[in-house]
Amino acid sequence: MTRLFGIMVLTTFFTCMPVLADTPEFTLTIKDHLFYPSELRVPANQKVRLLIINEDPTPEEFESYELNREKVILGGRRTVIFVGPLRTGEYSFFGEFNMSTAQGILIAE
C-alpha cells in the first residue's frame, strides 16, 4: 500500500509541474522602504508568480486588499506569492510597516 501511495504522489506532483512552469514570474524588490518597480504590469486572465525580495534589513509586509494577499517578508529574505487570474484593471498594494512610502500598483492588461 505504501508503494502505491508513493506512486500516486509522484504522479500528481509531475502532472502539476507544467502548470507551475508555465506561470510567468515577476519580481518586486523592497529597498529603502519602497517597492521597485512601483508599477508592475502583468498579463490579465492568467495566474502569475510574484517573487518579492526584501533588501532592507527590517521586515516589511506586502499587503493588498484588492488581491486579498498579505505576507511578512523578513529583512534580507524573499518570498513568493501567487495571484490571479486577474481581470484587466489596477490592483494597489502597500507595505504595512511603511505605508507612507512603500506603495505600488499591479496592472493586469
PDB file of N, CA and C in Angstrom:
ATOM      1  N   MET A   1       0.824  -1.189   0.000  1.00  0.00           N
ATOM      2  CA  MET A   1       0.000   0.000   0.000  1.00  0.00           C
ATOM      3  C   MET A   1       0.869   1.254   0.000  1.00  0.00           C
ATOM      4  N   THR A   2       1.980   1.258   0.702  1.00  0.00           N
ATOM      5  CA  THR A   2       2.846   2.424   0.775  1.00  0.00           C
ATOM      6  C   THR A   2       3.458   2.733  -0.581  1.00  0.00           C
ATOM      7  N   ARG A   3       3.869   1.703  -1.302  1.00  0.00           N
ATOM      8  CA  ARG A   3       4.456   1.903  -2.624  1.00  0.00           C
ATOM      9  C   ARG A   3       3.441   2.521  -3.590  1.00  0.00           C
ATOM     10  N   LEU A   4       2.203   2.047  -3.546  1.00  0.00           N
ATOM     11  CA  LEU A   4       1.150   2.593  -4.403  1.00  0.00           C
ATOM     12  C   LEU A   4       0.893   4.055  -4.059  1.00  0.00           C
ATOM     13  N   PHE A   5       0.880   4.374  -2.779  1.00  0.00           N
ATOM     14  CA  PHE A   5       0.676   5.759  -2.362  1.00  0.00           C
ATOM     15  C   PHE A   5       1.809   6.642  -2.890  1.00  0.00           C
ATOM     16  N   GLY A   6       3.037   6.171  -2.802  1.00  0.00           N
ATOM     17  CA  GLY A   6       4.189   6.925  -3.297  1.00  0.00           C
ATOM     18  C   GLY A   6       4.091   7.188  -4.793  1.00  0.00           C
ATOM     19  N   ILE A   7       3.657   6.203  -5.539  1.00  0.00           N
ATOM     20  CA  ILE A   7       3.488   6.357  -6.986  1.00  0.00           C
ATOM     21  C   ILE A   7       2.403   7.381  -7.275  1.00  0.00           C
ATOM     22  N   MET A   8       1.314   7.341  -6.508  1.00  0.00           N
ATOM     23  CA  MET A   8       0.231   8.301  -6.705  1.00  0.00           C
ATOM     24  C   MET A   8       0.704   9.730  -6.409  1.00  0.00           C
ATOM     25  N   VAL A   9       1.501   9.901  -5.354  1.00  0.00           N
ATOM     26  CA  VAL A   9       2.008  11.225  -5.001  1.00  0.00           C
ATOM     27  C   VAL A   9       2.932  11.743  -6.090  1.00  0.00           C
ATOM     28  N   LEU A  10       3.850  10.904  -6.557  1.00  0.00           N
ATOM     29  CA  LEU A  10       4.768  11.325  -7.622  1.00  0.00           C
ATOM     30  C   LEU A  10       4.031  11.641  -8.913  1.00  0.00           C
ATOM     31  N   THR A  11       3.052  10.858  -9.249  1.00  0.00           N
ATOM     32  CA  THR A  11       2.267  11.112 -10.461  1.00  0.00           C
ATOM     33  C   THR A  11       1.561  12.455 -10.363  1.00  0.00           C
ATOM     34  N   THR A  12       0.969  12.729  -9.220  1.00  0.00           N
ATOM     35  CA  THR A  12       0.293  14.010  -9.012  1.00  0.00           C
ATOM     36  C   THR A  12       1.290  15.155  -9.092  1.00  0.00           C
ATOM     37  N   PHE A  13       2.464  14.997  -8.478  1.00  0.00           N
ATOM     38  CA  PHE A  13       3.484  16.041  -8.487  1.00  0.00           C
ATOM     39  C   PHE A  13       3.932  16.358  -9.911  1.00  0.00           C
ATOM     40  N   PHE A  14       4.283  15.337 -10.672  1.00  0.00           N
ATOM     41  CA  PHE A  14       4.785  15.580 -12.024  1.00  0.00           C
ATOM     42  C   PHE A  14       3.682  16.034 -12.975  1.00  0.00           C
ATOM     43  N   THR A  15       2.452  15.698 -12.705  1.00  0.00           N
ATOM     44  CA  THR A  15       1.339  16.173 -13.521  1.00  0.00           C
ATOM     45  C   THR A  15       1.117  17.662 -13.298  1.00  0.00           C
ATOM     46  N   CYS A  16       1.352  18.139 -12.086  1.00  0.00           N
ATOM     47  CA  CYS A  16       1.138  19.557 -11.764  1.00  0.00           C
ATOM     48  C   CYS A  16       2.334  20.432 -12.139  1.00  0.00           C
ATOM     49  N   MET A  17       3.502  19.868 -12.358  1.00  0.00           N
ATOM     50  CA  MET A  17       4.692  20.665 -12.640  1.00  0.00           C
ATOM     51  C   MET A  17       4.554  21.575 -13.854  1.00  0.00           C
ATOM     52  N   PRO A  18       4.010  21.130 -14.983  1.00  0.00           N
ATOM     53  CA  PRO A  18       3.918  22.033 -16.130  1.00  0.00           C
ATOM     54  C   PRO A  18       3.079  23.279 -15.836  1.00  0.00           C
ATOM     55  N   VAL A  19       2.083  23.154 -14.983  1.00  0.00           N
ATOM     56  CA  VAL A  19       1.264  24.317 -14.633  1.00  0.00           C
ATOM     57  C   VAL A  19       2.131  25.368 -13.955  1.00  0.00           C
ATOM     58  N   LEU A  20       2.998  24.957 -13.021  1.00  0.00           N
ATOM     59  CA  LEU A  20       3.871  25.898 -12.343  1.00  0.00           C
ATOM     60  C   LEU A  20       4.934  26.436 -13.287  1.00  0.00           C
ATOM     61  N   ALA A  21       5.447  25.605 -14.174  1.00  0.00           N
ATOM     62  CA  ALA A  21       6.470  26.037 -15.115  1.00  0.00           C
ATOM     63  C   ALA A  21       5.922  27.064 -16.093  1.00  0.00           C
ATOM     64  N   ASP A  22       4.645  26.995 -16.422  1.00  0.00           N
ATOM     65  CA  ASP A  22       4.036  27.934 -17.355  1.00  0.00           C
ATOM     66  C   ASP A  22       3.582  29.226 -16.679  1.00  0.00           C
ATOM     67  N   THR A  23       3.698  29.323 -15.373  1.00  0.00           N
ATOM     68  CA  THR A  23       3.267  30.514 -14.648  1.00  0.00           C
ATOM     69  C   THR A  23       4.341  31.590 -14.769  1.00  0.00           C
ATOM     70  N   PRO A  24       4.021  32.734 -15.387  1.00  0.00           N
ATOM     71  CA  PRO A  24       5.026  33.789 -15.512  1.00  0.00           C
ATOM     72  C   PRO A  24       5.394  34.373 -14.156  1.00  0.00           C
ATOM     73  N   GLU A  25       6.673  34.711 -14.002  1.00  0.00           N
ATOM     74  CA  GLU A  25       7.162  35.254 -12.739  1.00  0.00           C
ATOM     75  C   GLU A  25       7.556  36.722 -12.916  1.00  0.00           C
ATOM     76  N   PHE A  26       7.215  37.529 -11.923  1.00  0.00           N
ATOM     77  CA  PHE A  26       7.553  38.947 -11.892  1.00  0.00           C
ATOM     78  C   PHE A  26       8.181  39.242 -10.541  1.00  0.00           C
ATOM     79  N   THR A  27       9.175  40.128 -10.542  1.00  0.00           N
ATOM     80  CA  THR A  27       9.911  40.416  -9.319  1.00  0.00           C
ATOM     81  C   THR A  27       9.600  41.809  -8.797  1.00  0.00           C
ATOM     82  N   LEU A  28       9.342  41.886  -7.511  1.00  0.00           N
ATOM     83  CA  LEU A  28       9.211  43.146  -6.784  1.00  0.00           C
ATOM     84  C   LEU A  28      10.339  43.180  -5.758  1.00  0.00           C
ATOM     85  N   THR A  29      11.010  44.308  -5.661  1.00  0.00           N
ATOM     86  CA  THR A  29      12.084  44.463  -4.691  1.00  0.00           C
ATOM     87  C   THR A  29      11.706  45.561  -3.703  1.00  0.00           C
ATOM     88  N   ILE A  30      11.961  45.306  -2.441  1.00  0.00           N
ATOM     89  CA  ILE A  30      11.762  46.306  -1.396  1.00  0.00           C
ATOM     90  C   ILE A  30      13.137  46.835  -1.025  1.00  0.00           C
ATOM     91  N   LYS A  31      13.330  48.142  -1.178  1.00  0.00           N
ATOM     92  CA  LYS A  31      14.613  48.769  -0.836  1.00  0.00           C
ATOM     93  C   LYS A  31      14.334  50.185  -0.353  1.00  0.00           C
ATOM     94  N   ASP A  32      14.919  50.538   0.773  1.00  0.00           N
ATOM     95  CA  ASP A  32      14.701  51.851   1.386  1.00  0.00           C
ATOM     96  C   ASP A  32      13.215  52.115   1.621  1.00  0.00           C
ATOM     97  N   HIS A  33      12.495  51.081   1.993  1.00  0.00           N
ATOM     98  CA  HIS A  33      11.060  51.147   2.299  1.00  0.00           C
ATOM     99  C   HIS A  33      10.225  51.568   1.089  1.00  0.00           C
ATOM    100  N   LEU A  34      10.669  51.199  -0.095  1.00  0.00           N
ATOM    101  CA  LEU A  34       9.953  51.459  -1.344  1.00  0.00           C
ATOM    102  C   LEU A  34       9.866  50.166  -2.140  1.00  0.00           C
ATOM    103  N   PHE A  35       8.839  50.037  -2.976  1.00  0.00           N
ATOM    104  CA  PHE A  35       8.726  48.909  -3.889  1.00  0.00           C
ATOM    105  C   PHE A  35       9.304  49.306  -5.243  1.00  0.00           C
ATOM    106  N   TYR A  36      10.122  48.434  -5.806  1.00  0.00           N
ATOM    107  CA  TYR A  36      10.664  48.615  -7.160  1.00  0.00           C
ATOM    108  C   TYR A  36      10.308  47.406  -7.994  1.00  0.00           C
ATOM    109  N   PRO A  37       9.662  47.559  -9.135  1.00  0.00           N
ATOM    110  CA  PRO A  37       9.078  48.806  -9.603  1.00  0.00           C
ATOM    111  C   PRO A  37       7.806  49.116  -8.807  1.00  0.00           C
ATOM    112  N   SER A  38       7.440  50.367  -8.777  1.00  0.00           N
ATOM    113  CA  SER A  38       6.214  50.741  -8.059  1.00  0.00           C
ATOM    114  C   SER A  38       4.979  50.476  -8.920  1.00  0.00           C
ATOM    115  N   GLU A  39       5.205  50.275 -10.213  1.00  0.00           N
ATOM    116  CA  GLU A  39       4.124  49.938 -11.140  1.00  0.00           C
ATOM    117  C   GLU A  39       4.539  48.666 -11.876  1.00  0.00           C
ATOM    118  N   LEU A  40       3.808  47.601 -11.653  1.00  0.00           N
ATOM    119  CA  LEU A  40       4.148  46.298 -12.222  1.00  0.00           C
ATOM    120  C   LEU A  40       3.037  45.847 -13.155  1.00  0.00           C
ATOM    121  N   ARG A  41       3.392  45.596 -14.413  1.00  0.00           N
ATOM    122  CA  ARG A  41       2.416  45.148 -15.413  1.00  0.00           C
ATOM    123  C   ARG A  41       2.504  43.637 -15.574  1.00  0.00           C
ATOM    124  N   VAL A  42       1.329  42.983 -15.490  1.00  0.00           N
ATOM    125  CA  VAL A  42       1.244  41.527 -15.615  1.00  0.00           C
ATOM    126  C   VAL A  42       0.139  41.189 -16.613  1.00  0.00           C
ATOM    127  N   PRO A  43       0.166  39.984 -17.172  1.00  0.00           N
ATOM    128  CA  PRO A  43      -0.908  39.608 -18.102  1.00  0.00           C
ATOM    129  C   PRO A  43      -2.234  39.380 -17.371  1.00  0.00           C
ATOM    130  N   ALA A  44      -3.308  39.878 -17.961  1.00  0.00           N
ATOM    131  CA  ALA A  44      -4.646  39.644 -17.410  1.00  0.00           C
ATOM    132  C   ALA A  44      -5.068  38.208 -17.690  1.00  0.00           C
ATOM    133  N   ASN A  45      -6.006  37.729 -16.901  1.00  0.00           N
ATOM    134  CA  ASN A  45      -6.600  36.397 -17.081  1.00  0.00           C
ATOM    135  C   ASN A  45      -5.591  35.261 -17.021  1.00  0.00           C
ATOM    136  N   GLN A  46      -4.538  35.461 -16.239  1.00  0.00           N
ATOM    137  CA  GLN A  46      -3.512  34.434 -16.097  1.00  0.00           C
ATOM    138  C   GLN A  46      -2.940  34.489 -14.684  1.00  0.00           C
ATOM    139  N   LYS A  47      -2.716  33.343 -14.105  1.00  0.00           N
ATOM    140  CA  LYS A  47      -2.084  33.268 -12.794  1.00  0.00           C
ATOM    141  C   LYS A  47      -0.633  33.716 -12.940  1.00  0.00           C
ATOM    142  N   VAL A  48      -0.143  34.524 -11.990  1.00  0.00           N
ATOM    143  CA  VAL A  48       1.245  34.976 -12.019  1.00  0.00           C
ATOM    144  C   VAL A  48       1.908  34.714 -10.670  1.00  0.00           C
ATOM    145  N   ARG A  49       3.205  34.591 -10.729  1.00  0.00           N
ATOM    146  CA  ARG A  49       4.029  34.342  -9.547  1.00  0.00           C
ATOM    147  C   ARG A  49       4.799  35.618  -9.250  1.00  0.00           C
ATOM    148  N   LEU A  50       4.604  36.169  -8.058  1.00  0.00           N
ATOM    149  CA  LEU A  50       5.339  37.358  -7.641  1.00  0.00           C
ATOM    150  C   LEU A  50       6.469  36.934  -6.709  1.00  0.00           C
ATOM    151  N   LEU A  51       7.691  37.204  -7.125  1.00  0.00           N
ATOM    152  CA  LEU A  51       8.853  36.994  -6.270  1.00  0.00           C
ATOM    153  C   LEU A  51       9.127  38.337  -5.601  1.00  0.00           C
ATOM    154  N   ILE A  52       9.042  38.379  -4.293  1.00  0.00           N
ATOM    155  CA  ILE A  52       9.240  39.625  -3.551  1.00  0.00           C
ATOM    156  C   ILE A  52      10.529  39.493  -2.749  1.00  0.00           C
ATOM    157  N   ILE A  53      11.471  40.399  -3.029  1.00  0.00           N
ATOM    158  CA  ILE A  53      12.782  40.387  -2.388  1.00  0.00           C
ATOM    159  C   ILE A  53      12.886  41.607  -1.486  1.00  0.00           C
ATOM    160  N   ASN A  54      13.125  41.382  -0.205  1.00  0.00           N
ATOM    161  CA  ASN A  54      13.283  42.484   0.745  1.00  0.00           C
ATOM    162  C   ASN A  54      14.774  42.719   0.962  1.00  0.00           C
ATOM    163  N   GLU A  55      15.296  43.783   0.360  1.00  0.00           N
ATOM    164  CA  GLU A  55      16.706  44.124   0.512  1.00  0.00           C
ATOM    165  C   GLU A  55      16.962  44.980   1.750  1.00  0.00           C
ATOM    166  N   ASP A  56      15.910  45.431   2.409  1.00  0.00           N
ATOM    167  CA  ASP A  56      16.067  46.198   3.641  1.00  0.00           C
ATOM    168  C   ASP A  56      16.435  45.258   4.792  1.00  0.00           C
ATOM    169  N   PRO A  57      17.086  45.781   5.831  1.00  0.00           N
ATOM    170  CA  PRO A  57      17.413  44.939   6.985  1.00  0.00           C
ATOM    171  C   PRO A  57      16.212  44.684   7.896  1.00  0.00           C
ATOM    172  N   THR A  58      15.136  45.445   7.685  1.00  0.00           N
ATOM    173  CA  THR A  58      13.948  45.322   8.531  1.00  0.00           C
ATOM    174  C   THR A  58      12.825  44.606   7.791  1.00  0.00           C
ATOM    175  N   PRO A  59      11.894  43.994   8.509  1.00  0.00           N
ATOM    176  CA  PRO A  59      10.783  43.312   7.841  1.00  0.00           C
ATOM    177  C   PRO A  59       9.819  44.294   7.188  1.00  0.00           C
ATOM    178  N   GLU A  60       9.111  43.804   6.211  1.00  0.00           N
ATOM    179  CA  GLU A  60       8.035  44.559   5.566  1.00  0.00           C
ATOM    180  C   GLU A  60       6.904  43.587   5.266  1.00  0.00           C
ATOM    181  N   GLU A  61       5.687  44.103   5.293  1.00  0.00           N
ATOM    182  CA  GLU A  61       4.540  43.265   4.979  1.00  0.00           C
ATOM    183  C   GLU A  61       3.949  43.702   3.651  1.00  0.00           C
ATOM    184  N   PHE A  62       3.960  42.798   2.667  1.00  0.00           N
ATOM    185  CA  PHE A  62       3.273  43.043   1.403  1.00  0.00           C
ATOM    186  C   PHE A  62       1.797  42.845   1.676  1.00  0.00           C
ATOM    187  N   GLU A  63       0.998  43.873   1.362  1.00  0.00           N
ATOM    188  CA  GLU A  63      -0.440  43.755   1.594  1.00  0.00           C
ATOM    189  C   GLU A  63      -1.214  44.375   0.448  1.00  0.00           C
ATOM    190  N   SER A  64      -2.321  43.717   0.098  1.00  0.00           N
ATOM    191  CA  SER A  64      -3.218  44.235  -0.933  1.00  0.00           C
ATOM    192  C   SER A  64      -4.620  43.761  -0.625  1.00  0.00           C
ATOM    193  N   TYR A  65      -5.519  44.725  -0.424  1.00  0.00           N
ATOM    194  CA  TYR A  65      -6.920  44.380  -0.207  1.00  0.00           C
ATOM    195  C   TYR A  65      -7.531  43.817  -1.487  1.00  0.00           C
ATOM    196  N   GLU A  66      -7.201  44.445  -2.628  1.00  0.00           N
ATOM    197  CA  GLU A  66      -7.782  44.028  -3.903  1.00  0.00           C
ATOM    198  C   GLU A  66      -7.318  42.635  -4.326  1.00  0.00           C
ATOM    199  N   LEU A  67      -6.070  42.294  -3.996  1.00  0.00           N
ATOM    200  CA  LEU A  67      -5.536  40.972  -4.343  1.00  0.00           C
ATOM    201  C   LEU A  67      -5.806  39.943  -3.245  1.00  0.00           C
ATOM    202  N   ASN A  68      -6.301  40.407  -2.107  1.00  0.00           N
ATOM    203  CA  ASN A  68      -6.580  39.541  -0.963  1.00  0.00           C
ATOM    204  C   ASN A  68      -5.315  38.782  -0.522  1.00  0.00           C
ATOM    205  N   ARG A  69      -4.220  39.525  -0.392  1.00  0.00           N
ATOM    206  CA  ARG A  69      -2.945  38.925  -0.007  1.00  0.00           C
ATOM    207  C   ARG A  69      -2.277  39.789   1.057  1.00  0.00           C
ATOM    208  N   GLU A  70      -1.599  39.127   1.980  1.00  0.00           N
ATOM    209  CA  GLU A  70      -0.711  39.793   2.921  1.00  0.00           C
ATOM    210  C   GLU A  70       0.335  38.791   3.372  1.00  0.00           C
ATOM    211  N   LYS A  71       1.570  39.268   3.413  1.00  0.00           N
ATOM    212  CA  LYS A  71       2.667  38.376   3.764  1.00  0.00           C
ATOM    213  C   LYS A  71       3.822  39.199   4.311  1.00  0.00           C
ATOM    214  N   VAL A  72       4.348  38.816   5.456  1.00  0.00           N
ATOM    215  CA  VAL A  72       5.509  39.478   6.041  1.00  0.00           C
ATOM    216  C   VAL A  72       6.763  38.874   5.416  1.00  0.00           C
ATOM    217  N   ILE A  73       7.656  39.761   4.968  1.00  0.00           N
ATOM    218  CA  ILE A  73       8.939  39.335   4.407  1.00  0.00           C
ATOM    219  C   ILE A  73      10.019  39.895   5.324  1.00  0.00           C
ATOM    220  N   LEU A  74      10.747  39.030   5.982  1.00  0.00           N
ATOM    221  CA  LEU A  74      11.803  39.462   6.894  1.00  0.00           C
ATOM    222  C   LEU A  74      12.905  40.178   6.120  1.00  0.00           C
ATOM    223  N   GLY A  75      13.669  41.006   6.820  1.00  0.00           N
ATOM    224  CA  GLY A  75      14.772  41.719   6.193  1.00  0.00           C
ATOM    225  C   GLY A  75      15.781  40.754   5.589  1.00  0.00           C
ATOM    226  N   GLY A  76      16.226  41.061   4.366  1.00  0.00           N
ATOM    227  CA  GLY A  76      17.205  40.222   3.689  1.00  0.00           C
ATOM    228  C   GLY A  76      16.646  38.903   3.181  1.00  0.00           C
ATOM    229  N   ARG A  77      15.342  38.754   3.151  1.00  0.00           N
ATOM    230  CA  ARG A  77      14.717  37.496   2.720  1.00  0.00           C
ATOM    231  C   ARG A  77      13.868  37.722   1.491  1.00  0.00           C
ATOM    232  N   ARG A  78      13.319  36.641   0.974  1.00  0.00           N
ATOM    233  CA  ARG A  78      12.432  36.691  -0.187  1.00  0.00           C
ATOM    234  C   ARG A  78      11.291  35.725   0.013  1.00  0.00           C
ATOM    235  N   THR A  79      10.219  35.953  -0.748  1.00  0.00           N
ATOM    236  CA  THR A  79       9.057  35.075  -0.686  1.00  0.00           C
ATOM    237  C   THR A  79       8.383  35.063  -2.048  1.00  0.00           C
ATOM    238  N   VAL A  80       7.484  34.118  -2.230  1.00  0.00           N
ATOM    239  CA  VAL A  80       6.704  34.012  -3.464  1.00  0.00           C
ATOM    240  C   VAL A  80       5.232  34.088  -3.107  1.00  0.00           C
ATOM    241  N   ILE A  81       4.499  34.882  -3.884  1.00  0.00           N
ATOM    242  CA  ILE A  81       3.052  34.991  -3.734  1.00  0.00           C
ATOM    243  C   ILE A  81       2.434  34.777  -5.109  1.00  0.00           C
ATOM    244  N   PHE A  82       1.451  33.903  -5.191  1.00  0.00           N
ATOM    245  CA  PHE A  82       0.719  33.690  -6.431  1.00  0.00           C
ATOM    246  C   PHE A  82      -0.549  34.526  -6.408  1.00  0.00           C
ATOM    247  N   VAL A  83      -0.852  35.176  -7.530  1.00  0.00           N
ATOM    248  CA  VAL A  83      -2.089  35.935  -7.670  1.00  0.00           C
ATOM    249  C   VAL A  83      -2.721  35.613  -9.015  1.00  0.00           C
ATOM    250  N   GLY A  84      -4.019  35.832  -9.075  1.00  0.00           N
ATOM    251  CA  GLY A  84      -4.728  35.659 -10.345  1.00  0.00           C
ATOM    252  C   GLY A  84      -5.359  34.302 -10.481  1.00  0.00           C
ATOM    253  N   PRO A  85      -5.936  34.132 -11.653  1.00  0.00           N
ATOM    254  CA  PRO A  85      -6.020  35.042 -12.789  1.00  0.00           C
ATOM    255  C   PRO A  85      -6.793  36.308 -12.439  1.00  0.00           C
ATOM    256  N   LEU A  86      -6.296  37.434 -12.953  1.00  0.00           N
ATOM    257  CA  LEU A  86      -6.873  38.743 -12.657  1.00  0.00           C
ATOM    258  C   LEU A  86      -7.572  39.315 -13.880  1.00  0.00           C
ATOM    259  N   ARG A  87      -8.683  39.970 -13.641  1.00  0.00           N
ATOM    260  CA  ARG A  87      -9.339  40.715 -14.710  1.00  0.00           C
ATOM    261  C   ARG A  87      -8.493  41.941 -15.040  1.00  0.00           C
ATOM    262  N   THR A  88      -8.665  42.459 -16.238  1.00  0.00           N
ATOM    263  CA  THR A  88      -7.972  43.688 -16.621  1.00  0.00           C
ATOM    264  C   THR A  88      -8.309  44.781 -15.613  1.00  0.00           C
ATOM    265  N   GLY A  89      -7.278  45.449 -15.125  1.00  0.00           N
ATOM    266  CA  GLY A  89      -7.514  46.503 -14.141  1.00  0.00           C
ATOM    267  C   GLY A  89      -6.288  46.797 -13.313  1.00  0.00           C
ATOM    268  N   GLU A  90      -6.466  47.637 -12.320  1.00  0.00           N
ATOM    269  CA  GLU A  90      -5.383  48.044 -11.435  1.00  0.00           C
ATOM    270  C   GLU A  90      -5.661  47.559 -10.016  1.00  0.00           C
ATOM    271  N   TYR A  91      -4.614  47.070  -9.371  1.00  0.00           N
ATOM    272  CA  TYR A  91      -4.704  46.496  -8.037  1.00  0.00           C
ATOM    273  C   TYR A  91      -3.590  47.107  -7.188  1.00  0.00           C
ATOM    274  N   SER A  92      -3.952  47.877  -6.189  1.00  0.00           N
ATOM    275  CA  SER A  92      -2.937  48.528  -5.368  1.00  0.00           C
ATOM    276  C   SER A  92      -2.388  47.556  -4.326  1.00  0.00           C
ATOM    277  N   PHE A  93      -1.137  47.822  -3.926  1.00  0.00           N
ATOM    278  CA  PHE A  93      -0.506  47.077  -2.834  1.00  0.00           C
ATOM    279  C   PHE A  93       0.345  48.058  -2.041  1.00  0.00           C
ATOM    280  N   PHE A  94       0.694  47.676  -0.823  1.00  0.00           N
ATOM    281  CA  PHE A  94       1.476  48.564   0.032  1.00  0.00           C
ATOM    282  C   PHE A  94       2.233  47.744   1.063  1.00  0.00           C
ATOM    283  N   GLY A  95       3.205  48.406   1.679  1.00  0.00           N
ATOM    284  CA  GLY A  95       3.942  47.811   2.785  1.00  0.00           C
ATOM    285  C   GLY A  95       3.310  48.272   4.084  1.00  0.00           C
ATOM    286  N   GLU A  96       2.749  47.358   4.807  1.00  0.00           N
ATOM    287  CA  GLU A  96       2.021  47.694   6.032  1.00  0.00           C
ATOM    288  C   GLU A  96       2.898  48.418   7.052  1.00  0.00           C
ATOM    289  N   PHE A  97       4.192  48.100   7.095  1.00  0.00           N
ATOM    290  CA  PHE A  97       5.059  48.693   8.105  1.00  0.00           C
ATOM    291  C   PHE A  97       5.591  50.073   7.706  1.00  0.00           C
ATOM    292  N   ASN A  98       5.457  50.431   6.425  1.00  0.00           N
ATOM    293  CA  ASN A  98       5.913  51.734   5.926  1.00  0.00           C
ATOM    294  C   ASN A  98       4.904  52.251   4.913  1.00  0.00           C
ATOM    295  N   MET A  99       3.676  52.434   5.358  1.00  0.00           N
ATOM    296  CA  MET A  99       2.581  52.762   4.458  1.00  0.00           C
ATOM    297  C   MET A  99       2.757  54.084   3.720  1.00  0.00           C
ATOM    298  N   SER A 100       3.489  55.026   4.304  1.00  0.00           N
ATOM    299  CA  SER A 100       3.635  56.327   3.635  1.00  0.00           C
ATOM    300  C   SER A 100       4.592  56.261   2.449  1.00  0.00           C
ATOM    301  N   THR A 101       5.477  55.269   2.409  1.00  0.00           N
ATOM    302  CA  THR A 101       6.446  55.200   1.307  1.00  0.00           C
ATOM    303  C   THR A 101       6.298  53.943   0.458  1.00  0.00           C
ATOM    304  N   ALA A 102       6.045  52.814   1.070  1.00  0.00           N
ATOM    305  CA  ALA A 102       6.014  51.540   0.344  1.00  0.00           C
ATOM    306  C   ALA A 102       4.634  51.327  -0.265  1.00  0.00           C
ATOM    307  N   GLN A 103       4.468  51.854  -1.485  1.00  0.00           N
ATOM    308  CA  GLN A 103       3.197  51.727  -2.174  1.00  0.00           C
ATOM    309  C   GLN A 103       3.451  51.374  -3.641  1.00  0.00           C
ATOM    310  N   GLY A 104       2.502  50.641  -4.217  1.00  0.00           N
ATOM    311  CA  GLY A 104       2.637  50.284  -5.615  1.00  0.00           C
ATOM    312  C   GLY A 104       1.321  49.882  -6.210  1.00  0.00           C
ATOM    313  N   ILE A 105       1.369  49.599  -7.504  1.00  0.00           N
ATOM    314  CA  ILE A 105       0.168  49.197  -8.210  1.00  0.00           C
ATOM    315  C   ILE A 105       0.519  48.089  -9.191  1.00  0.00           C
ATOM    316  N   LEU A 106      -0.295  47.059  -9.208  1.00  0.00           N
ATOM    317  CA  LEU A 106      -0.170  45.964 -10.156  1.00  0.00           C
ATOM    318  C   LEU A 106      -1.226  46.194 -11.244  1.00  0.00           C
ATOM    319  N   ILE A 107      -0.800  46.229 -12.483  1.00  0.00           N
ATOM    320  CA  ILE A 107      -1.709  46.492 -13.599  1.00  0.00           C
ATOM    321  C   ILE A 107      -1.826  45.231 -14.432  1.00  0.00           C
ATOM    322  N   ALA A 108      -3.028  44.670 -14.480  1.00  0.00           N
ATOM    323  CA  ALA A 108      -3.295  43.489 -15.300  1.00  0.00           C
ATOM    324  C   ALA A 108      -3.829  43.980 -16.641  1.00  0.00           C
ATOM    325  N   GLU A 109      -3.132  43.598 -17.720  1.00  0.00           N
ATOM    326  CA  GLU A 109      -3.545  44.049 -19.054  1.00  0.00           C
ATOM    327  C   GLU A 109      -3.459  42.928 -20.067  1.00  0.00           C
TER     328      GLU A 109
END
